[in-house]
C-alpha cells in the first residue's frame, strides 16, 4: 500500500475508532509520523504509512486526511455495529464534500 500512497497526490484514510463515541465522526489533516522501534508493518497507522511511503519511495501525497468513525464495538459478529451503520450516510456525505474540495483545490 505504501507504493500507492507515495504515488498519490492526495489520500483519504477511513477507519473505525474506539476512542470516539459510537457513530461520532472526525476528519483531520494528517502528516507523517516517525516509526516506533519494533513496530510491525501490519500494525502501522495512517501517519506511519505516510512515513513509510516517503522512506521507501521518496514521496508522499501533497494532502492526507483521516476520517475516523466511532465504532461502538468491534466484537466478532456479522456486519457493522448499529452506531457505525447509522453513521454511514453522514460519513459518505462528508467524504463526498472532502473529495470535491480536494479536487477543486488541486486544479
N, C-alpha and C. Protein backbone atom coordinates (compact mmCIF):
# COMPACT_ATOMS: atom_id res chain seq x y z
N UNK A 1 0.81 -1.19 0.00
CA UNK A 1 0.00 0.00 0.00
C UNK A 1 0.86 1.26 0.00
N UNK A 2 2.07 1.18 0.55
CA UNK A 2 2.94 2.35 0.61
C UNK A 2 3.27 2.88 -0.78
N UNK A 3 3.40 1.98 -1.75
CA UNK A 3 3.72 2.41 -3.11
C UNK A 3 2.58 3.25 -3.69
N UNK A 4 1.35 2.80 -3.49
CA UNK A 4 0.18 3.55 -3.98
C UNK A 4 0.06 4.89 -3.28
N UNK A 5 0.31 4.91 -1.99
CA UNK A 5 0.25 6.16 -1.22
C UNK A 5 1.31 7.13 -1.73
N UNK A 6 2.52 6.64 -1.98
CA UNK A 6 3.60 7.50 -2.45
C UNK A 6 3.28 8.12 -3.82
N UNK A 7 2.54 7.40 -4.64
CA UNK A 7 2.23 7.88 -5.99
C UNK A 7 1.02 8.81 -6.04
N UNK A 8 0.26 8.87 -4.97
CA UNK A 8 -0.98 9.66 -4.97
C UNK A 8 -0.71 11.13 -4.69
N UNK A 9 -1.55 11.99 -5.26
CA UNK A 9 -1.50 13.42 -4.94
C UNK A 9 -2.19 13.70 -3.62
N UNK A 10 -3.23 12.91 -3.34
CA UNK A 10 -4.00 13.07 -2.10
C UNK A 10 -4.54 11.71 -1.69
N UNK A 11 -4.66 11.50 -0.40
CA UNK A 11 -5.26 10.26 0.11
C UNK A 11 -6.22 10.60 1.25
N UNK A 12 -7.26 9.78 1.35
CA UNK A 12 -8.18 9.86 2.47
C UNK A 12 -8.25 8.47 3.08
N UNK A 13 -7.79 8.35 4.30
CA UNK A 13 -7.88 7.10 5.04
C UNK A 13 -9.18 7.10 5.82
N UNK A 14 -9.84 5.96 5.90
CA UNK A 14 -11.08 5.81 6.65
C UNK A 14 -10.89 4.65 7.62
N UNK A 15 -11.22 4.88 8.89
CA UNK A 15 -11.01 3.84 9.89
C UNK A 15 -12.05 3.99 11.00
N UNK A 16 -12.30 2.90 11.71
CA UNK A 16 -13.15 3.00 12.88
C UNK A 16 -12.28 3.33 14.09
N UNK A 17 -12.90 3.82 15.13
CA UNK A 17 -12.17 4.23 16.32
C UNK A 17 -12.93 3.78 17.56
N UNK A 18 -12.16 3.32 18.54
CA UNK A 18 -12.76 3.01 19.84
C UNK A 18 -12.58 4.17 20.81
N UNK A 19 -11.86 5.20 20.38
CA UNK A 19 -11.61 6.37 21.23
C UNK A 19 -12.68 7.44 21.08
N UNK A 20 -13.62 7.24 20.17
CA UNK A 20 -14.69 8.21 19.93
C UNK A 20 -16.02 7.58 20.33
N UNK A 21 -16.99 8.43 20.61
CA UNK A 21 -18.33 7.93 20.92
C UNK A 21 -18.88 7.17 19.71
N UNK A 22 -19.68 6.16 19.93
CA UNK A 22 -20.25 5.40 18.82
C UNK A 22 -20.94 6.31 17.81
N UNK A 23 -20.54 6.20 16.53
CA UNK A 23 -21.12 7.00 15.46
C UNK A 23 -20.52 8.37 15.29
N UNK A 24 -19.71 8.84 16.24
CA UNK A 24 -19.09 10.16 16.13
C UNK A 24 -18.03 10.14 15.02
N UNK A 25 -18.04 11.17 14.17
CA UNK A 25 -17.08 11.26 13.08
C UNK A 25 -16.08 12.38 13.34
N UNK A 26 -14.85 12.15 12.90
CA UNK A 26 -13.82 13.18 12.99
C UNK A 26 -12.96 13.10 11.73
N UNK A 27 -12.84 14.22 11.04
CA UNK A 27 -11.99 14.32 9.86
C UNK A 27 -10.87 15.28 10.20
N UNK A 28 -9.63 14.82 9.98
CA UNK A 28 -8.50 15.70 10.28
C UNK A 28 -7.42 15.54 9.24
N UNK A 29 -6.65 16.62 9.07
CA UNK A 29 -5.48 16.57 8.21
C UNK A 29 -4.45 15.68 8.87
N UNK A 30 -3.65 15.04 8.07
CA UNK A 30 -2.70 14.07 8.58
C UNK A 30 -1.32 14.37 8.01
N UNK A 31 -0.31 14.22 8.84
CA UNK A 31 1.07 14.32 8.37
C UNK A 31 1.81 13.08 8.82
N UNK A 32 2.96 12.84 8.22
CA UNK A 32 3.69 11.61 8.53
C UNK A 32 4.20 11.64 9.96
N UNK A 33 4.30 10.45 10.52
CA UNK A 33 4.78 10.30 11.90
C UNK A 33 5.98 9.36 11.89
N UNK A 34 6.91 9.60 12.79
CA UNK A 34 8.07 8.70 12.86
C UNK A 34 7.65 7.29 13.24
N UNK A 35 8.39 6.32 12.73
CA UNK A 35 8.12 4.93 13.06
C UNK A 35 8.65 4.63 14.45
N UNK A 36 7.88 3.89 15.21
CA UNK A 36 8.32 3.49 16.54
C UNK A 36 9.17 2.25 16.43
N UNK A 37 10.22 2.14 17.24
CA UNK A 37 11.07 0.94 17.19
C UNK A 37 10.25 -0.33 17.43
N UNK A 38 10.52 -1.34 16.62
CA UNK A 38 9.84 -2.61 16.78
C UNK A 38 8.43 -2.65 16.21
N UNK A 39 7.99 -1.59 15.56
CA UNK A 39 6.64 -1.55 15.01
C UNK A 39 6.56 -2.50 13.82
N UNK A 40 5.58 -3.38 13.85
CA UNK A 40 5.36 -4.33 12.76
C UNK A 40 4.52 -3.64 11.70
N UNK A 41 4.87 -3.82 10.43
CA UNK A 41 4.18 -3.10 9.37
C UNK A 41 2.69 -3.39 9.32
N UNK A 42 2.25 -4.55 9.77
CA UNK A 42 0.82 -4.85 9.78
C UNK A 42 0.07 -3.93 10.73
N UNK A 43 0.76 -3.37 11.69
CA UNK A 43 0.13 -2.52 12.70
C UNK A 43 0.37 -1.03 12.48
N UNK A 44 0.76 -0.64 11.29
CA UNK A 44 1.01 0.78 11.02
C UNK A 44 -0.30 1.55 10.99
N UNK A 45 -0.25 2.75 11.53
CA UNK A 45 -1.36 3.67 11.38
C UNK A 45 -1.17 4.46 10.08
N UNK A 46 -2.15 5.27 9.75
CA UNK A 46 -2.09 6.06 8.51
C UNK A 46 -0.89 7.00 8.50
N UNK A 47 -0.61 7.65 9.62
CA UNK A 47 0.51 8.60 9.68
C UNK A 47 1.85 7.88 9.48
N UNK A 48 1.98 6.69 10.04
CA UNK A 48 3.21 5.92 9.86
C UNK A 48 3.33 5.42 8.42
N UNK A 49 2.20 5.10 7.79
CA UNK A 49 2.22 4.67 6.40
C UNK A 49 2.72 5.80 5.50
N UNK A 50 2.36 7.03 5.81
CA UNK A 50 2.89 8.18 5.05
C UNK A 50 4.41 8.22 5.16
N UNK A 51 4.93 7.96 6.35
CA UNK A 51 6.38 7.95 6.56
C UNK A 51 7.05 6.83 5.76
N UNK A 52 6.44 5.65 5.76
CA UNK A 52 6.99 4.53 5.00
C UNK A 52 7.01 4.86 3.51
N UNK A 53 5.96 5.49 3.01
CA UNK A 53 5.92 5.90 1.61
C UNK A 53 7.08 6.84 1.29
N UNK A 54 7.32 7.79 2.16
CA UNK A 54 8.42 8.73 1.97
C UNK A 54 9.78 8.02 2.03
N UNK A 55 9.94 7.16 3.03
CA UNK A 55 11.22 6.47 3.21
C UNK A 55 11.52 5.51 2.06
N UNK A 56 10.52 4.77 1.59
CA UNK A 56 10.75 3.76 0.56
C UNK A 56 10.74 4.31 -0.86
N UNK A 57 9.87 5.30 -1.11
CA UNK A 57 9.65 5.76 -2.48
C UNK A 57 10.00 7.22 -2.70
N UNK A 58 10.42 7.89 -1.65
CA UNK A 58 10.86 9.27 -1.79
C UNK A 58 9.77 10.29 -2.00
N UNK A 59 8.53 9.92 -1.77
CA UNK A 59 7.44 10.90 -1.89
C UNK A 59 6.26 10.46 -1.05
N UNK A 60 5.39 11.42 -0.84
CA UNK A 60 4.13 11.17 -0.16
C UNK A 60 3.11 12.15 -0.69
N UNK A 61 1.83 11.90 -0.46
CA UNK A 61 0.80 12.79 -1.01
C UNK A 61 0.97 14.23 -0.52
N UNK A 62 0.54 15.13 -1.38
CA UNK A 62 0.52 16.55 -1.03
C UNK A 62 -0.45 16.80 0.11
N UNK A 63 -1.52 16.01 0.14
CA UNK A 63 -2.53 16.17 1.18
C UNK A 63 -3.00 14.80 1.63
N UNK A 64 -3.14 14.64 2.93
CA UNK A 64 -3.65 13.39 3.50
C UNK A 64 -4.64 13.72 4.60
N UNK A 65 -5.75 12.99 4.62
CA UNK A 65 -6.78 13.17 5.63
C UNK A 65 -7.11 11.82 6.24
N UNK A 66 -7.60 11.86 7.46
CA UNK A 66 -8.05 10.66 8.15
C UNK A 66 -9.46 10.90 8.66
N UNK A 67 -10.39 10.07 8.21
CA UNK A 67 -11.76 10.09 8.73
C UNK A 67 -11.91 8.91 9.66
N UNK A 68 -12.23 9.18 10.91
CA UNK A 68 -12.50 8.11 11.86
C UNK A 68 -13.96 8.20 12.30
N UNK A 69 -14.52 7.03 12.53
CA UNK A 69 -15.91 6.94 12.98
C UNK A 69 -15.93 6.04 14.21
N UNK A 70 -16.53 6.53 15.28
CA UNK A 70 -16.64 5.73 16.50
C UNK A 70 -17.41 4.44 16.23
N UNK A 71 -16.77 3.31 16.51
CA UNK A 71 -17.35 2.02 16.16
C UNK A 71 -18.37 1.54 17.18
N UNK A 72 -18.20 1.91 18.42
CA UNK A 72 -19.07 1.39 19.46
C UNK A 72 -18.59 0.04 19.95
N UNK A 73 -18.42 -0.89 19.03
CA UNK A 73 -17.92 -2.22 19.38
C UNK A 73 -17.19 -2.82 18.19
N UNK A 74 -16.22 -3.65 18.49
CA UNK A 74 -15.54 -4.40 17.43
C UNK A 74 -15.56 -5.90 17.74
N UNK A 75 -16.57 -6.29 18.50
CA UNK A 75 -16.72 -7.70 18.83
C UNK A 75 -16.99 -8.50 17.57
N UNK A 76 -16.63 -9.77 17.61
CA UNK A 76 -16.88 -10.64 16.47
C UNK A 76 -18.36 -10.72 16.19
N UNK A 77 -18.69 -10.71 14.93
CA UNK A 77 -20.08 -10.82 14.52
C UNK A 77 -20.18 -10.49 13.06
N UNK A 78 -21.36 -10.60 12.54
CA UNK A 78 -21.59 -10.27 11.15
C UNK A 78 -22.09 -8.85 11.03
N UNK A 79 -21.52 -8.12 10.09
CA UNK A 79 -21.98 -6.76 9.84
C UNK A 79 -21.34 -5.73 10.75
N UNK A 80 -21.77 -4.51 10.58
CA UNK A 80 -21.26 -3.36 11.32
C UNK A 80 -22.08 -3.14 12.58
N UNK A 81 -21.48 -2.45 13.55
CA UNK A 81 -22.26 -2.09 14.73
C UNK A 81 -23.38 -1.14 14.31
N UNK A 82 -24.43 -1.09 15.08
CA UNK A 82 -25.57 -0.23 14.76
C UNK A 82 -25.14 1.23 14.67
N UNK A 83 -24.30 1.68 15.60
CA UNK A 83 -23.85 3.08 15.60
C UNK A 83 -23.07 3.39 14.33
N UNK A 84 -22.22 2.48 13.92
CA UNK A 84 -21.43 2.70 12.71
C UNK A 84 -22.32 2.67 11.47
N UNK A 85 -23.23 1.74 11.43
CA UNK A 85 -24.16 1.64 10.30
C UNK A 85 -25.00 2.92 10.19
N UNK A 86 -25.45 3.45 11.31
CA UNK A 86 -26.25 4.68 11.30
C UNK A 86 -25.45 5.89 10.84
N UNK A 87 -24.12 5.87 11.07
CA UNK A 87 -23.27 6.99 10.71
C UNK A 87 -22.86 6.98 9.23
N UNK A 88 -23.07 5.88 8.54
CA UNK A 88 -22.58 5.76 7.16
C UNK A 88 -23.11 6.83 6.20
N UNK A 89 -24.40 7.18 6.20
CA UNK A 89 -24.84 8.22 5.27
C UNK A 89 -24.12 9.56 5.50
N UNK A 90 -23.94 9.95 6.75
CA UNK A 90 -23.23 11.20 7.04
C UNK A 90 -21.76 11.08 6.67
N UNK A 91 -21.17 9.91 6.88
CA UNK A 91 -19.77 9.71 6.51
C UNK A 91 -19.61 9.81 5.00
N UNK A 92 -20.53 9.24 4.25
CA UNK A 92 -20.48 9.33 2.79
C UNK A 92 -20.58 10.78 2.33
N UNK A 93 -21.49 11.54 2.94
CA UNK A 93 -21.63 12.95 2.58
C UNK A 93 -20.35 13.73 2.88
N UNK A 94 -19.76 13.47 4.03
CA UNK A 94 -18.51 14.14 4.41
C UNK A 94 -17.39 13.77 3.45
N UNK A 95 -17.30 12.50 3.08
CA UNK A 95 -16.28 12.08 2.12
C UNK A 95 -16.50 12.73 0.75
N UNK A 96 -17.76 12.78 0.29
CA UNK A 96 -18.06 13.43 -0.98
C UNK A 96 -17.61 14.89 -0.98
N UNK A 97 -17.93 15.62 0.09
CA UNK A 97 -17.54 17.04 0.18
C UNK A 97 -16.02 17.18 0.21
N UNK A 98 -15.35 16.30 0.94
CA UNK A 98 -13.90 16.37 1.07
C UNK A 98 -13.23 16.09 -0.27
N UNK A 99 -13.70 15.08 -0.98
CA UNK A 99 -13.13 14.77 -2.30
C UNK A 99 -13.34 15.94 -3.25
N UNK A 100 -14.54 16.51 -3.26
CA UNK A 100 -14.79 17.67 -4.14
C UNK A 100 -13.86 18.83 -3.78
N UNK A 101 -13.66 19.07 -2.50
CA UNK A 101 -12.80 20.15 -2.06
C UNK A 101 -11.36 19.90 -2.49
N UNK A 102 -10.88 18.68 -2.34
CA UNK A 102 -9.52 18.33 -2.74
C UNK A 102 -9.37 18.51 -4.25
N UNK A 103 -10.33 18.02 -5.02
CA UNK A 103 -10.25 18.14 -6.47
C UNK A 103 -10.31 19.60 -6.93
N UNK A 104 -11.13 20.40 -6.28
CA UNK A 104 -11.24 21.81 -6.64
C UNK A 104 -9.95 22.56 -6.38
N UNK A 105 -9.27 22.24 -5.29
CA UNK A 105 -8.05 22.95 -4.96
C UNK A 105 -6.79 22.37 -5.59
N UNK A 106 -6.93 21.25 -6.30
CA UNK A 106 -5.75 20.67 -6.95
C UNK A 106 -5.64 21.08 -8.40
N UNK A 107 -6.64 21.78 -8.92
CA UNK A 107 -6.62 22.22 -10.32
C UNK A 107 -5.82 23.50 -10.47
